[in-house]
Amino acid sequence: MEHWEALKPGGLRFVWDDVLFPPGTDTFLLSSLPRLKPGLRVCDLGSGTGLLGLLLLQRQEDLTVTGVELQPEAADLLERAAAENGLTGRLTACRGDLRSIRTLLPAGRFDLVVCNPPYYPAGSGALAAESPRRTARAETACALEDVCAAAGWLLRWGGSFCLVHKPERLADLLWSLRSAALEPKRLRTVCRRAGEAPSLVLLEARRGGRPGLAWGPPLILETAEGRPTAELERIYFRRQEDTP
């Protein structure tokens, strides 16, 4: 069954399907990491139904976003979401396997690549019965090294790669990035409450960047009383961005 929702009152509308992987907090959190500016050419690896691309376009309307997606049902919904929001031509689907990225898209075309990749190695933990959910959760269709290699191919020199992952995979992530000539530059941990262990990491790497990793403040999701923090409210468009 399809579900259509607005990112905010009067904002862009996104779609998801019960059979496909449902929208998650990690996608919203990742959308807050890139430093967006008008005119950026963006590629979303494993774009699903296009939620991450729509979140970026909601934050900065002057972008072009290409989603690389293996599952035809998800790519169909991305294209429908683009049409629904009047974004045909600015939000597009490239249908194919990111492991074959060199046959899909030319090198160095993009300023920014984003990805919410599968978190778990194939064969670890319980996997969903449905193939789309299994592919989104575990590295059954692509590994972390494949994702980083694809980002390295797509980015122009000096372009950025932003992704979200699990903290227990941080060593694997840093190794995979450097193996693809992507230098880790900026990292934030995500914690449910202040003082708790992180549940996610948000990381930006740069093609051709110099060594040097900046650790940002943790992104805290809840106050001590269990209410959403002001930053999380802004990420979900429930509160206006702070004025400089």
Protein backbone atom coordinates (compact mmCIF):
# COMPACT_ATOMS: atom_id res chain seq x y z
CA MET A 1 0.00 0.00 0.00
CA GLU A 2 1.27 3.48 -0.91
CA HIS A 3 1.50 6.34 1.57
CA TRP A 4 1.88 10.01 0.61
CA GLU A 5 3.00 12.55 3.21
CA ALA A 6 4.17 16.16 3.25
CA LEU A 7 7.59 17.05 4.64
CA LYS A 8 5.96 20.10 6.21
CA PRO A 9 2.67 21.97 5.79
CA GLY A 10 2.58 23.13 2.19
CA GLY A 11 5.94 21.46 1.51
CA LEU A 12 7.12 18.75 -0.83
CA ARG A 13 5.32 15.42 -0.71
CA PHE A 14 7.08 12.07 -0.51
CA VAL A 15 5.79 8.55 -1.06
CA TRP A 16 6.62 5.18 0.41
CA ASP A 17 5.21 1.69 0.10
CA ASP A 18 4.66 -0.97 2.75
CA VAL A 19 6.63 -3.50 0.70
CA LEU A 20 9.66 -1.21 0.38
CA PHE A 21 11.86 0.06 3.19
CA PRO A 22 9.87 2.65 5.20
CA PRO A 23 11.19 6.19 5.83
CA GLY A 24 13.46 6.39 8.85
CA THR A 25 14.92 8.99 11.17
CA ASP A 26 18.40 8.32 9.79
CA THR A 27 17.40 9.69 6.36
CA PHE A 28 16.12 12.92 7.94
CA LEU A 29 19.30 13.23 10.02
CA LEU A 30 21.52 12.69 6.99
CA SER A 31 19.70 15.43 5.09
CA SER A 32 20.92 17.95 7.68
CA LEU A 33 24.62 17.17 7.14
CA PRO A 34 25.47 18.48 3.62
CA ARG A 35 26.34 22.14 3.25
CA LEU A 36 23.96 23.03 0.48
CA LYS A 37 24.21 25.95 -1.92
CA PRO A 38 22.39 26.83 -5.12
CA GLY A 39 23.30 24.95 -8.27
CA LEU A 40 24.79 21.82 -6.72
CA ARG A 41 24.61 18.63 -8.75
CA VAL A 42 23.69 15.86 -6.32
CA CYS A 43 23.65 12.08 -6.66
CA ASP A 44 21.79 9.88 -4.15
CA LEU A 45 23.15 6.32 -4.18
CA GLY A 46 20.46 3.77 -3.37
CA SER A 47 17.84 6.49 -3.50
CA GLY A 48 14.78 4.32 -2.89
CA THR A 49 11.59 6.30 -3.45
CA GLY A 50 13.46 9.62 -3.33
CA LEU A 51 12.92 10.82 0.24
CA LEU A 52 16.51 12.00 0.78
CA GLY A 53 16.53 13.91 -2.49
CA LEU A 54 13.24 15.60 -1.59
CA LEU A 55 14.57 16.55 1.83
CA LEU A 56 17.59 18.22 0.23
CA LEU A 57 15.37 20.01 -2.29
CA GLN A 58 13.12 21.18 0.54
CA ARG A 59 16.17 22.75 2.18
CA GLN A 60 17.63 24.19 -1.04
CA GLU A 61 15.33 24.30 -4.04
CA ASP A 62 18.05 25.14 -6.57
CA LEU A 63 19.55 21.64 -6.82
CA THR A 64 19.47 18.85 -9.36
CA VAL A 65 19.29 15.37 -7.80
CA THR A 66 19.90 12.07 -9.57
CA GLY A 67 18.91 8.95 -7.67
CA VAL A 68 20.67 5.69 -8.51
CA GLU A 69 18.28 2.86 -7.67
CA LEU A 70 18.37 -0.88 -8.35
CA GLN A 71 14.75 -1.72 -7.49
CA PRO A 72 12.38 -0.72 -10.31
CA GLU A 73 9.38 -0.33 -7.98
CA ALA A 74 11.25 2.25 -5.90
CA ALA A 75 12.53 4.10 -8.97
CA ASP A 76 8.96 4.28 -10.32
CA LEU A 77 7.79 5.91 -7.08
CA LEU A 78 10.70 8.40 -7.16
CA GLU A 79 9.65 9.51 -10.62
CA ARG A 80 6.03 9.82 -9.51
CA ALA A 81 7.11 11.92 -6.51
CA ALA A 82 9.12 14.17 -8.85
CA ALA A 83 6.06 14.68 -11.05
CA GLU A 84 3.77 15.22 -8.04
CA ASN A 85 6.05 18.02 -6.79
CA GLY A 86 6.75 19.62 -10.16
CA LEU A 87 10.36 18.47 -10.04
CA THR A 88 10.56 16.44 -13.24
CA GLY A 89 14.02 17.14 -14.65
CA ARG A 90 15.40 18.20 -11.26
CA LEU A 91 14.76 14.92 -9.42
CA THR A 92 15.42 11.93 -11.69
CA ALA A 93 16.01 8.20 -11.36
CA CYS A 94 18.99 6.40 -12.87
CA ARG A 95 17.98 2.75 -12.86
CA GLY A 96 20.80 0.33 -12.26
CA ASP A 97 23.31 -1.28 -9.93
CA LEU A 98 25.73 1.11 -8.23
CA ARG A 99 28.38 -1.60 -8.48
CA SER A 100 28.30 -0.88 -12.23
CA ILE A 101 28.35 2.90 -11.78
CA ARG A 102 30.93 3.38 -14.53
CA THR A 103 28.40 2.14 -17.07
CA LEU A 104 25.60 4.31 -15.66
CA LEU A 105 27.02 7.80 -15.14
CA PRO A 106 30.19 9.65 -16.21
CA ALA A 107 33.08 10.34 -13.86
CA GLY A 108 33.24 13.61 -11.96
CA ARG A 109 29.73 14.80 -12.83
CA PHE A 110 28.55 15.60 -9.28
CA ASP A 111 29.40 18.14 -6.59
CA LEU A 112 27.77 16.13 -3.80
CA VAL A 113 27.00 12.45 -3.35
CA VAL A 114 24.77 11.25 -0.50
CA CYS A 115 23.90 7.76 0.66
CA ASN A 116 21.97 5.99 3.40
CA PRO A 117 23.59 2.59 2.81
CA PRO A 118 22.85 -0.88 4.18
CA TYR A 119 24.34 -1.05 7.66
CA TYR A 120 25.01 -4.74 8.22
CA PRO A 121 27.31 -7.21 6.45
CA ALA A 122 25.52 -9.96 4.57
CA GLY A 123 24.78 -12.90 6.83
CA SER A 124 24.79 -10.93 10.09
CA GLY A 125 21.63 -10.71 12.18
CA ALA A 126 18.03 -11.33 11.23
CA LEU A 127 17.04 -10.20 7.75
CA ALA A 128 13.61 -9.15 6.55
CA ALA A 129 11.74 -11.71 4.48
CA GLU A 130 10.94 -9.21 1.71
CA SER A 131 13.80 -8.73 -0.75
CA PRO A 132 13.51 -4.87 -0.91
CA ARG A 133 13.75 -4.53 2.87
CA ARG A 134 16.57 -7.07 3.04
CA THR A 135 18.53 -5.16 0.38
CA ALA A 136 18.08 -1.86 2.23
CA ARG A 137 19.16 -3.29 5.60
CA ALA A 138 22.07 -5.62 4.78
CA GLU A 139 24.87 -5.68 2.23
CA THR A 140 23.23 -8.32 0.05
CA ALA A 141 23.30 -6.20 -3.14
CA CYS A 142 26.34 -4.01 -2.44
CA ALA A 143 29.05 -3.66 0.21
CA LEU A 144 30.39 -0.53 1.88
CA GLU A 145 33.43 -0.63 -0.40
CA ASP A 146 31.13 -0.59 -3.45
CA VAL A 147 29.27 2.46 -2.17
CA CYS A 148 32.48 4.41 -1.50
CA ALA A 149 33.99 3.41 -4.85
CA ALA A 150 30.85 4.63 -6.65
CA ALA A 151 30.96 7.95 -4.78
CA GLY A 152 34.64 8.38 -5.67
CA TRP A 153 33.85 7.83 -9.35
CA LEU A 154 30.94 10.27 -9.42
CA LEU A 155 32.48 13.20 -7.54
CA ARG A 156 34.41 16.04 -9.09
CA TRP A 157 37.73 16.95 -7.49
CA GLY A 158 36.87 18.66 -4.20
CA GLY A 159 33.32 17.28 -4.15
CA SER A 160 31.77 15.90 -0.97
CA PHE A 161 30.32 12.54 0.01
CA CYS A 162 27.88 12.51 2.96
CA LEU A 163 26.50 9.35 4.51
CA VAL A 164 25.08 7.87 7.69
CA HIS A 165 26.21 4.61 9.26
CA LYS A 166 26.51 2.63 12.46
CA PRO A 167 29.31 3.54 14.91
CA GLU A 168 30.42 -0.08 15.17
CA ARG A 169 31.28 0.05 11.45
CA LEU A 170 33.32 3.26 11.73
CA ALA A 171 36.69 1.56 11.18
CA ASP A 172 35.32 -0.18 8.06
CA LEU A 173 33.86 3.10 6.86
CA LEU A 174 37.07 5.12 7.23
CA TRP A 175 39.09 2.40 5.49
CA SER A 176 36.61 2.16 2.61
CA LEU A 177 36.57 5.93 2.12
CA ARG A 178 40.33 6.26 1.94
CA SER A 179 40.53 3.26 -0.38
CA ALA A 180 38.30 5.23 -2.76
CA ALA A 181 40.45 8.40 -2.47
CA LEU A 182 37.84 10.07 -0.28
CA GLU A 183 39.30 11.80 2.76
CA PRO A 184 37.11 11.87 5.91
CA LYS A 185 36.68 15.53 6.88
CA ARG A 186 33.70 16.00 9.22
CA LEU A 187 31.98 13.65 11.66
CA ARG A 188 29.05 13.91 14.06
CA THR A 189 27.77 11.20 16.33
CA VAL A 190 24.02 10.81 16.93
CA CYS A 191 22.87 10.04 20.48
CA ARG A 192 19.37 9.51 21.78
CA ARG A 193 20.14 11.56 24.90
CA ALA A 194 23.15 13.50 26.11
CA GLY A 195 25.75 11.23 27.69
CA GLU A 196 24.49 8.07 25.98
CA ALA A 197 26.52 6.00 23.53
CA PRO A 198 26.01 6.98 19.88
CA SER A 199 23.56 5.05 17.74
CA LEU A 200 24.63 6.54 14.39
CA VAL A 201 27.46 8.51 12.82
CA LEU A 202 27.11 11.21 10.16
CA LEU A 203 30.25 11.61 8.06
CA GLU A 204 31.38 13.89 5.26
CA ALA A 205 34.37 12.97 3.10
CA ARG A 206 35.97 14.94 0.28
CA ARG A 207 37.49 13.77 -2.96
CA GLY A 208 41.08 14.91 -2.95
CA GLY A 209 40.84 16.42 0.54
CA ARG A 210 43.82 16.82 2.83
CA PRO A 211 44.04 14.68 5.98
CA GLY A 212 42.24 16.13 8.98
CA LEU A 213 38.98 15.02 10.55
CA ALA A 214 36.84 17.54 12.45
CA TRP A 215 34.55 16.15 15.17
CA GLY A 216 31.37 18.15 15.50
CA PRO A 217 29.14 18.23 18.59
CA PRO A 218 26.87 15.23 19.07
CA LEU A 219 23.44 15.46 17.52
CA ILE A 220 21.11 14.79 20.46
CA LEU A 221 17.61 13.53 19.66
CA GLU A 222 15.83 13.84 23.01
CA THR A 223 15.99 16.03 26.10
CA ALA A 224 16.32 14.48 29.55
CA GLU A 225 12.52 14.67 29.75
CA GLY A 226 12.12 12.63 26.56
CA ARG A 227 11.03 15.50 24.30
CA PRO A 228 12.56 16.12 20.86
CA THR A 229 15.46 18.57 20.94
CA ALA A 230 15.27 21.88 19.09
CA GLU A 231 17.75 20.60 16.50
CA LEU A 232 15.67 17.51 15.77
CA GLU A 233 12.57 19.69 15.46
CA ARG A 234 14.38 21.82 12.85
CA ILE A 235 15.50 18.72 10.95
CA TYR A 236 11.85 17.61 10.75
CA PHE A 237 10.79 21.14 9.68
CA ARG A 238 8.76 21.61 12.86
CA ARG A 239 10.77 24.70 13.82
CA GLN A 240 12.29 27.44 11.70
CA GLU A 241 16.02 27.40 11.03
CA ASP A 242 18.03 29.63 13.33
CA THR A 243 18.80 33.03 11.86
CA PRO A 244 22.56 33.78 11.57
